[in-house]
C-alpha atoms as a PDB file:
ATOM      1  CA  MET A   1      40.194  -2.605 -41.781  1.00  0.00           C
ATOM      2  CA  PHE A   2      40.921  -5.929 -40.107  1.00  0.00           C
ATOM      3  CA  ASP A   3      38.893  -5.190 -36.955  1.00  0.00           C
ATOM      4  CA  TRP A   4      36.222  -7.644 -38.002  1.00  0.00           C
ATOM      5  CA  PHE A   5      38.899 -10.361 -38.258  1.00  0.00           C
ATOM      6  CA  PHE A   6      40.300  -9.722 -34.762  1.00  0.00           C
ATOM      7  CA  ASN A   7      36.793  -9.467 -33.300  1.00  0.00           C
ATOM      8  CA  LEU A   8      36.129 -13.023 -34.418  1.00  0.00           C
ATOM      9  CA  PHE A   9      38.538 -14.314 -31.791  1.00  0.00           C
ATOM     10  CA  LYS A  10      37.428 -12.119 -28.916  1.00  0.00           C
ATOM     11  CA  THR A  11      34.972 -13.481 -26.374  1.00  0.00           C
ATOM     12  CA  LYS A  12      31.653 -11.769 -26.507  1.00  0.00           C
ATOM     13  CA  LYS A  13      30.772  -9.677 -23.519  1.00  0.00           C
ATOM     14  CA  GLU A  14      27.485 -10.394 -21.938  1.00  0.00           C
ATOM     15  CA  GLU A  15      25.001  -7.984 -23.304  1.00  0.00           C
ATOM     16  CA  GLU A  16      24.384  -5.314 -20.727  1.00  0.00           C
ATOM     17  CA  GLN A  17      20.800  -4.859 -19.655  1.00  0.00           C
ATOM     18  CA  PRO A  18      19.540  -1.326 -20.131  1.00  0.00           C
ATOM     19  CA  ILE A  19      18.953   0.566 -16.917  1.00  0.00           C
ATOM     20  CA  LYS A  20      15.253   0.762 -16.130  1.00  0.00           C
ATOM     21  CA  VAL A  21      14.105   4.292 -15.440  1.00  0.00           C
ATOM     22  CA  ASP A  22      10.337   4.140 -15.860  1.00  0.00           C
ATOM     23  CA  TYR A  23       9.209   2.499 -12.628  1.00  0.00           C
ATOM     24  CA  SER A  24       5.541   2.379 -11.653  1.00  0.00           C
ATOM     25  CA  VAL A  25       3.793   1.754  -8.336  1.00  0.00           C
ATOM     26  CA  HIS A  26       3.701  -1.950  -9.280  1.00  0.00           C
ATOM     27  CA  ASP A  27       7.518  -2.058  -9.126  1.00  0.00           C
ATOM     28  CA  LEU A  28       7.896  -0.675  -5.590  1.00  0.00           C
ATOM     29  CA  ALA A  29      10.012  -2.591  -3.088  1.00  0.00           C
ATOM     30  CA  LYS A  30      11.886  -1.906   0.128  1.00  0.00           C
ATOM     31  CA  GLY A  31      14.496   0.799  -0.366  1.00  0.00           C
ATOM     32  CA  TYR A  32      12.822   2.455  -3.351  1.00  0.00           C
ATOM     33  CA  LEU A  33      12.236   6.210  -3.383  1.00  0.00           C
ATOM     34  CA  LEU A  34       9.193   8.069  -4.673  1.00  0.00           C
ATOM     35  CA  ASP A  35       7.816  11.584  -4.749  1.00  0.00           C
ATOM     36  CA  TYR A  36       4.399  12.508  -3.427  1.00  0.00           C
ATOM     37  CA  ASP A  37       3.012  15.935  -2.512  1.00  0.00           C
ATOM     38  CA  LEU A  38       6.332  17.721  -3.126  1.00  0.00           C
ATOM     39  CA  GLU A  39       8.214  15.402  -0.758  1.00  0.00           C
ATOM     40  CA  SER A  40      10.499  12.431  -1.245  1.00  0.00           C
ATOM     41  CA  TRP A  41       9.491   9.208   0.485  1.00  0.00           C
ATOM     42  CA  GLU A  42      11.479   6.040   1.119  1.00  0.00           C
ATOM     43  CA  VAL A  43       9.865   2.590   1.112  1.00  0.00           C
ATOM     44  CA  LEU A  44      10.718   1.065   4.505  1.00  0.00           C
ATOM     45  CA  ALA A  45       8.805  -2.221   4.165  1.00  0.00           C
ATOM     46  CA  ALA A  46       6.552  -4.109   1.775  1.00  0.00           C
ATOM     47  CA  TYR A  47       3.511  -6.167   2.761  1.00  0.00           C
ATOM     48  CA  THR A  48       1.121  -8.477   0.920  1.00  0.00           C
ATOM     49  CA  TYR A  49      -2.599  -8.844   1.593  1.00  0.00           C
ATOM     50  CA  ARG A  50      -4.519 -11.828   0.217  1.00  0.00           C
ATOM     51  CA  HIS A  51      -8.292 -11.641  -0.018  1.00  0.00           C
ATOM     52  CA  LYS A  52     -10.732 -13.926  -1.797  1.00  0.00           C
ATOM     53  CA  GLY A  53      -9.649 -13.948  -5.412  1.00  0.00           C
ATOM     54  CA  TYR A  54      -7.091 -11.139  -5.350  1.00  0.00           C
ATOM     55  CA  SER A  55      -4.099  -9.728  -3.535  1.00  0.00           C
ATOM     56  CA  SER A  56      -2.831  -6.227  -2.891  1.00  0.00           C
ATOM     57  CA  LYS A  57       0.415  -4.636  -1.776  1.00  0.00           C
ATOM     58  CA  GLU A  58       1.056  -2.140   0.982  1.00  0.00           C
ATOM     59  CA  TYR A  59       4.222  -0.145   1.502  1.00  0.00           C
ATOM     60  CA  LYS A  60       5.338   1.574   4.671  1.00  0.00           C
ATOM     61  CA  ILE A  61       6.820   4.862   3.473  1.00  0.00           C
ATOM     62  CA  ARG A  62       8.632   7.654   5.286  1.00  0.00           C
ATOM     63  CA  SER A  63       9.294  11.274   4.397  1.00  0.00           C
ATOM     64  CA  SER A  64      11.438  13.665   6.383  1.00  0.00           C
ATOM     65  CA  SER A  65       8.539  14.374   8.749  1.00  0.00           C
ATOM     66  CA  GLU A  66       6.118  11.426   8.855  1.00  0.00           C
ATOM     67  CA  THR A  67       5.414   7.759   8.167  1.00  0.00           C
ATOM     68  CA  ARG A  68       2.439   6.570   6.122  1.00  0.00           C
ATOM     69  CA  PHE A  69       1.162   3.509   4.276  1.00  0.00           C
ATOM     70  CA  LEU A  70       0.658   3.316   0.513  1.00  0.00           C
ATOM     71  CA  ASN A  71      -1.798   0.629  -0.585  1.00  0.00           C
ATOM     72  CA  VAL A  72      -1.696  -0.583  -4.195  1.00  0.00           C
ATOM     73  CA  SER A  73      -4.648  -2.712  -5.277  1.00  0.00           C
ATOM     74  CA  ASP A  74      -5.256  -3.844  -8.827  1.00  0.00           C
ATOM     75  CA  SER A  75      -8.215  -6.217  -8.526  1.00  0.00           C
ATOM     76  CA  ASN A  76     -10.401  -4.540 -11.189  1.00  0.00           C
ATOM     77  CA  SER A  77      -8.580  -1.283 -11.826  1.00  0.00           C
ATOM     78  CA  LEU A  78      -5.679   0.415 -10.094  1.00  0.00           C
ATOM     79  CA  LEU A  79      -6.662   1.793  -6.691  1.00  0.00           C
ATOM     80  CA  LEU A  80      -4.149   3.703  -4.577  1.00  0.00           C
ATOM     81  CA  GLY A  81      -4.708   4.729  -0.978  1.00  0.00           C
ATOM     82  CA  LEU A  82      -2.420   6.694   1.321  1.00  0.00           C
ATOM     83  CA  SER A  83      -3.163   6.295   5.020  1.00  0.00           C
ATOM     84  CA  LYS A  84      -1.856   6.848   8.503  1.00  0.00           C
ATOM     85  CA  GLU A  85      -2.636   5.059  11.730  1.00  0.00           C
ATOM     86  CA  ALA A  86      -5.415   6.594  13.818  1.00  0.00           C
ATOM     87  CA  ASN A  87      -6.637   6.001  17.339  1.00  0.00           C
ATOM     88  CA  ILE A  88      -9.869   4.068  16.811  1.00  0.00           C
ATOM     89  CA  ASN A  89     -11.373   5.688  19.921  1.00  0.00           C
ATOM     90  CA  ASN A  90     -10.965   9.113  18.275  1.00  0.00           C
ATOM     91  CA  VAL A  91     -12.666   8.032  15.046  1.00  0.00           C
ATOM     92  CA  ASP A  92     -16.093   7.003  16.327  1.00  0.00           C
ATOM     93  CA  SER A  93     -17.022   6.184  19.908  1.00  0.00           C
ATOM     94  CA  GLY A  94     -18.862   2.964  19.021  1.00  0.00           C
ATOM     95  CA  LEU A  95     -16.434   1.651  16.420  1.00  0.00           C
ATOM     96  CA  ARG A  96     -14.099  -0.377  18.649  1.00  0.00           C
ATOM     97  CA  SER A  97     -16.864  -2.253  20.463  1.00  0.00           C
ATOM     98  CA  SER A  98     -18.791  -2.989  17.255  1.00  0.00           C
ATOM     99  CA  VAL A  99     -15.674  -4.366  15.524  1.00  0.00           C
ATOM    100  CA  ALA A 100     -14.723  -6.386  18.615  1.00  0.00           C
ATOM    101  CA  MET A 101     -18.143  -8.066  18.460  1.00  0.00           C
ATOM    102  CA  GLY A 102     -17.761  -8.673  14.722  1.00  0.00           C
ATOM    103  CA  GLN A 103     -20.675  -6.382  13.899  1.00  0.00           C
ATOM    104  CA  PRO A 104     -19.204  -3.188  12.469  1.00  0.00           C
ATOM    105  CA  LEU A 105     -21.129   0.050  12.212  1.00  0.00           C
ATOM    106  CA  ALA A 106     -22.910   0.705   8.918  1.00  0.00           C
ATOM    107  CA  ARG A 107     -21.952   4.386   9.160  1.00  0.00           C
ATOM    108  CA  LEU A 108     -19.424   6.407  11.141  1.00  0.00           C
ATOM    109  CA  THR A 109     -18.280   9.985  11.480  1.00  0.00           C
ATOM    110  CA  TRP A 110     -14.655  11.077  11.339  1.00  0.00           C
ATOM    111  CA  ASP A 111     -13.224  14.577  11.129  1.00  0.00           C
ATOM    112  CA  GLY A 112     -16.593  16.088  10.171  1.00  0.00           C
ATOM    113  CA  ASP A 113     -17.317  13.620   7.343  1.00  0.00           C
ATOM    114  CA  VAL A 114     -19.785  10.738   7.277  1.00  0.00           C
ATOM    115  CA  TYR A 115     -18.369   7.420   6.067  1.00  0.00           C
ATOM    116  CA  ASN A 116     -20.468   4.460   4.934  1.00  0.00           C
ATOM    117  CA  LEU A 117     -19.377   0.841   5.084  1.00  0.00           C
ATOM    118  CA  LYS A 118     -18.204  -0.044   1.582  1.00  0.00           C
ATOM    119  CA  GLU A 119     -16.661  -3.454   2.046  1.00  0.00           C
ATOM    120  CA  SER A 120     -15.956  -6.095   4.639  1.00  0.00           C
ATOM    121  CA  ALA A 121     -13.491  -8.891   3.964  1.00  0.00           C
ATOM    122  CA  GLN A 122     -11.398 -11.606   5.496  1.00  0.00           C
ATOM    123  CA  GLY A 123      -7.884 -12.357   4.409  1.00  0.00           C
ATOM    124  CA  GLN A 124      -4.263 -12.921   5.215  1.00  0.00           C
ATOM    125  CA  PHE A 125      -1.340 -10.533   5.636  1.00  0.00           C
ATOM    126  CA  ALA A 126       2.430 -10.993   5.488  1.00  0.00           C
ATOM    127  CA  ASP A 127       5.507  -8.833   5.769  1.00  0.00           C
ATOM    128  CA  ASP A 128       7.348  -9.618   2.520  1.00  0.00           C
ATOM    129  CA  ALA A 129      10.658  -9.824   4.416  1.00  0.00           C
ATOM    130  CA  THR A 130       9.529 -12.623   6.754  1.00  0.00           C
ATOM    131  CA  GLN A 131       6.589 -14.252   4.940  1.00  0.00           C
ATOM    132  CA  ASP A 132       4.860 -14.898   8.289  1.00  0.00           C
ATOM    133  CA  TRP A 133       1.144 -14.936   7.480  1.00  0.00           C
ATOM    134  CA  ALA A 134      -1.578 -13.692   9.848  1.00  0.00           C
ATOM    135  CA  SER A 135      -5.357 -13.797   9.395  1.00  0.00           C
ATOM    136  CA  PHE A 136      -7.565 -10.732   9.750  1.00  0.00           C
ATOM    137  CA  SER A 137     -11.021  -9.319   9.137  1.00  0.00           C
ATOM    138  CA  SER A 138     -11.347  -5.825   7.698  1.00  0.00           C
ATOM    139  CA  TRP A 139     -13.917  -3.113   7.111  1.00  0.00           C
ATOM    140  CA  GLU A 140     -13.516  -0.210   4.732  1.00  0.00           C
ATOM    141  CA  TYR A 141     -15.613   2.928   5.076  1.00  0.00           C
ATOM    142  CA  VAL A 142     -15.689   5.693   2.434  1.00  0.00           C
ATOM    143  CA  ASN A 143     -17.019   9.236   2.398  1.00  0.00           C
ATOM    144  CA  ALA A 144     -19.791  10.326   0.001  1.00  0.00           C
ATOM    145  CA  ALA A 145     -17.308  11.782  -2.497  1.00  0.00           C
ATOM    146  CA  ASN A 146     -15.352   8.491  -2.501  1.00  0.00           C
ATOM    147  CA  THR A 147     -12.117  10.414  -1.874  1.00  0.00           C
ATOM    148  CA  LYS A 148     -11.360   9.485   1.747  1.00  0.00           C
ATOM    149  CA  PHE A 149     -11.538   6.252   3.705  1.00  0.00           C
ATOM    150  CA  VAL A 150     -11.359   4.714   7.168  1.00  0.00           C
ATOM    151  CA  TYR A 151      -9.937   1.190   7.257  1.00  0.00           C
ATOM    152  CA  VAL A 152     -10.353  -1.032  10.319  1.00  0.00           C
ATOM    153  CA  SER A 153      -8.790  -4.457  10.801  1.00  0.00           C
ATOM    154  CA  LYS A 154      -9.244  -7.063  13.512  1.00  0.00           C
ATOM    155  CA  TRP A 155      -6.389  -9.559  13.752  1.00  0.00           C
ATOM    156  CA  GLU A 156      -6.334 -13.207  14.791  1.00  0.00           C
ATOM    157  CA  ASP A 157      -4.995 -12.151  18.210  1.00  0.00           C
ATOM    158  CA  ASN A 158      -8.105  -9.882  18.568  1.00  0.00           C
ATOM    159  CA  SER A 159      -6.078  -6.673  18.294  1.00  0.00           C
ATOM    160  CA  ILE A 160      -7.782  -3.893  16.346  1.00  0.00           C
ATOM    161  CA  GLU A 161      -6.113  -1.289  14.133  1.00  0.00           C
ATOM    162  CA  CYS A 162      -7.560   1.764  12.431  1.00  0.00           C
ATOM    163  CA  TYR A 163      -6.196   3.813   9.529  1.00  0.00           C
ATOM    164  CA  VAL A 164      -7.527   6.963   7.888  1.00  0.00           C
ATOM    165  CA  GLY A 165      -6.543   8.120   4.449  1.00  0.00           C
ATOM    166  CA  THR A 166      -7.252   9.412   0.985  1.00  0.00           C
ATOM    167  CA  TYR A 167      -7.436   7.787  -2.416  1.00  0.00           C
ATOM    168  CA  LEU A 168      -4.786   8.884  -4.897  1.00  0.00           C
ATOM    169  CA  LYS A 169      -4.462   9.059  -8.663  1.00  0.00           C
ATOM    170  CA  GLU A 170      -1.483   7.243 -10.160  1.00  0.00           C
ATOM    171  CA  TYR A 171       0.094  10.477 -11.421  1.00  0.00           C
ATOM    172  CA  GLU A 172       0.341  11.767  -7.823  1.00  0.00           C
ATOM    173  CA  ILE A 173       3.136   9.244  -7.212  1.00  0.00           C
ATOM    174  CA  SER A 174       6.139  10.136  -9.360  1.00  0.00           C
ATOM    175  CA  ASN A 175       9.902   9.871  -9.774  1.00  0.00           C
ATOM    176  CA  ILE A 176      10.097   6.290  -8.525  1.00  0.00           C
ATOM    177  CA  LEU A 177      13.717   5.193  -8.187  1.00  0.00           C
ATOM    178  CA  ALA A 178      15.107   1.780  -7.340  1.00  0.00           C
ATOM    179  CA  SER A 179      17.478   1.414  -4.428  1.00  0.00           C
ATOM    180  CA  THR A 180      21.131   1.232  -5.335  1.00  0.00           C
END
């Protein structure tokens, strides 16, 4: 009956924030967990890419059997890509030399599919943990169905990297959990 009276003299506890349970790909950070293709993946690192007018995020993720890269771009609409590193010499025999000269191929063949050059860009990249920025040029090739891609980047030190992957739908990434 007099609880209200005694509560007047108590110090108020800080209101506890509700625990967030509905994470999306935009919330990912190092240490987070996610499910994809019936496997659990851990985010090992987070990276930021800056291009003209927009930026995108990339996450290095690892399952029990492999390591991949999840790219999250939201320039016009959400675009997700899951890729793995590939030996550029195995993708197309003329790709390395054309990229080294700054004149990429208009079309290439990889794993039985033909890929056309969709976009070329210049930008900057940083590991979110260190914030050391590096400049690069990139070329993105897509297959006719627009479901798979080959991504090539040439860095300021003239090194060249190549990644092959598939585009994902947002629902394919699920059960995102924050690190504890």
